[in-house]
Protein backbone atom coordinates (compact mmCIF):
# COMPACT_ATOMS: atom_id res chain seq x y z
CA MET A 1 0.00 0.00 0.00
CA LEU A 2 2.77 2.42 0.93
CA GLY A 3 4.61 1.56 -2.29
CA THR A 4 1.53 2.44 -4.33
CA LEU A 5 1.05 5.72 -2.47
CA SER A 6 4.70 6.71 -3.07
CA ARG A 7 3.94 6.91 -6.81
CA PHE A 8 1.51 9.77 -6.18
CA ASP A 9 3.31 11.61 -3.34
CA MET A 10 5.23 14.66 -4.58
CA ALA A 11 8.69 13.47 -3.47
CA GLY A 12 8.02 9.87 -4.47
CA ALA A 13 6.73 10.94 -7.87
CA VAL A 14 9.93 12.89 -8.59
CA TYR A 15 12.21 10.09 -7.38
CA ASN A 16 10.30 7.38 -9.22
CA GLY A 17 10.18 9.54 -12.35
CA VAL A 18 13.97 9.82 -12.35
CA GLN A 19 14.33 6.09 -11.70
CA THR A 20 11.96 5.32 -14.59
CA ALA A 21 14.08 7.46 -16.93
CA ARG A 22 17.21 5.63 -15.75
CA ASP A 23 15.50 2.20 -15.94
CA GLY A 24 16.24 1.92 -12.23
CA GLU A 25 14.49 0.45 -9.22
CA GLY A 26 11.67 2.47 -7.69
CA SER A 27 11.17 3.28 -4.03
CA LEU A 28 9.28 0.81 -1.86
CA THR A 29 9.08 -1.85 -4.58
CA GLY A 30 10.09 -5.48 -4.45
CA SER A 31 12.56 -7.33 -6.61
CA ALA A 32 13.85 -10.80 -7.35
CA ILE A 33 17.42 -12.02 -7.64
CA TYR A 34 17.54 -14.59 -10.41
CA ALA A 35 20.39 -17.11 -10.57
CA VAL A 36 20.76 -19.94 -13.10
CA GLU A 37 23.52 -22.49 -13.67
CA ILE A 38 23.41 -24.78 -16.69
CA PHE A 39 25.51 -27.96 -16.57
CA ASP A 40 26.29 -30.65 -19.14
CA ALA A 41 24.64 -33.78 -17.71
CA ALA A 42 27.26 -36.15 -19.13
CA THR A 43 30.38 -34.34 -17.92
CA SER A 44 29.01 -32.12 -15.11
CA LYS A 45 30.79 -29.22 -16.80
CA LEU A 46 29.34 -25.75 -16.19
CA LEU A 47 28.15 -24.45 -19.57
CA SER A 48 26.65 -21.13 -18.53
CA ALA A 49 25.79 -19.10 -15.45
CA PHE A 50 23.48 -16.14 -15.16
CA VAL A 51 22.73 -13.87 -12.18
CA THR A 52 20.58 -10.75 -12.29
CA LYS A 53 18.43 -8.58 -10.06
CA GLN A 54 15.12 -7.76 -11.71
CA TYR A 55 12.40 -5.37 -10.59
CA PRO A 56 9.29 -3.81 -12.09
CA SER A 57 9.16 -0.33 -13.55
CA PRO A 58 8.69 2.28 -10.80
CA TYR A 59 5.36 3.28 -12.32
CA ASP A 60 4.00 -0.25 -12.74
CA ILE A 61 1.14 0.21 -10.28
CA LYS A 62 -0.02 -3.41 -10.68
CA ALA A 63 3.38 -4.55 -9.36
CA SER A 64 2.97 -2.53 -6.16
CA VAL A 65 -0.31 -4.23 -5.19
CA GLY A 66 -0.07 -7.62 -3.54
CA PRO A 67 2.61 -9.30 -1.46
CA LEU A 68 4.52 -11.02 -4.30
CA ALA A 69 3.51 -8.99 -7.37
CA ALA A 70 6.88 -7.28 -7.80
CA ALA A 71 8.81 -10.52 -7.28
CA GLU A 72 6.67 -12.31 -9.88
CA ILE A 73 7.36 -9.55 -12.41
CA GLY A 74 11.08 -9.75 -11.54
CA ILE A 75 11.09 -13.50 -12.16
CA ASP A 76 9.34 -13.03 -15.52
CA LYS A 77 11.87 -10.36 -16.55
CA GLY A 78 14.76 -12.58 -15.40
CA ALA A 79 13.47 -15.50 -17.46
CA ASP A 80 13.13 -13.25 -20.51
CA ALA A 81 16.71 -11.98 -20.03
CA LEU A 82 18.00 -15.57 -19.76
CA VAL A 83 16.24 -16.59 -22.98
CA ALA A 84 17.63 -13.49 -24.72
CA GLN A 85 21.15 -14.54 -23.69
CA PHE A 86 20.81 -17.73 -25.75
CA LYS A 87 19.53 -16.06 -28.93
């Protein structure tokens, strides 16, 4: 609730506006740290590793409502970034 209200508060609106322009993390939002290791099953050799911190846009109001909304969006963005790495 407080995260949602910070989007409309004068100071929060300015801060979140700057963070949106920078593609940064907003105030009072959640995030997810996404880590993946891909191994060759036959040799147990590490083929690729990927670690990222993902968060919703500061003005994604839907992501600020609900206990895990921001984390779910972060996981979706992390999965998309992992797939993009293999293209």
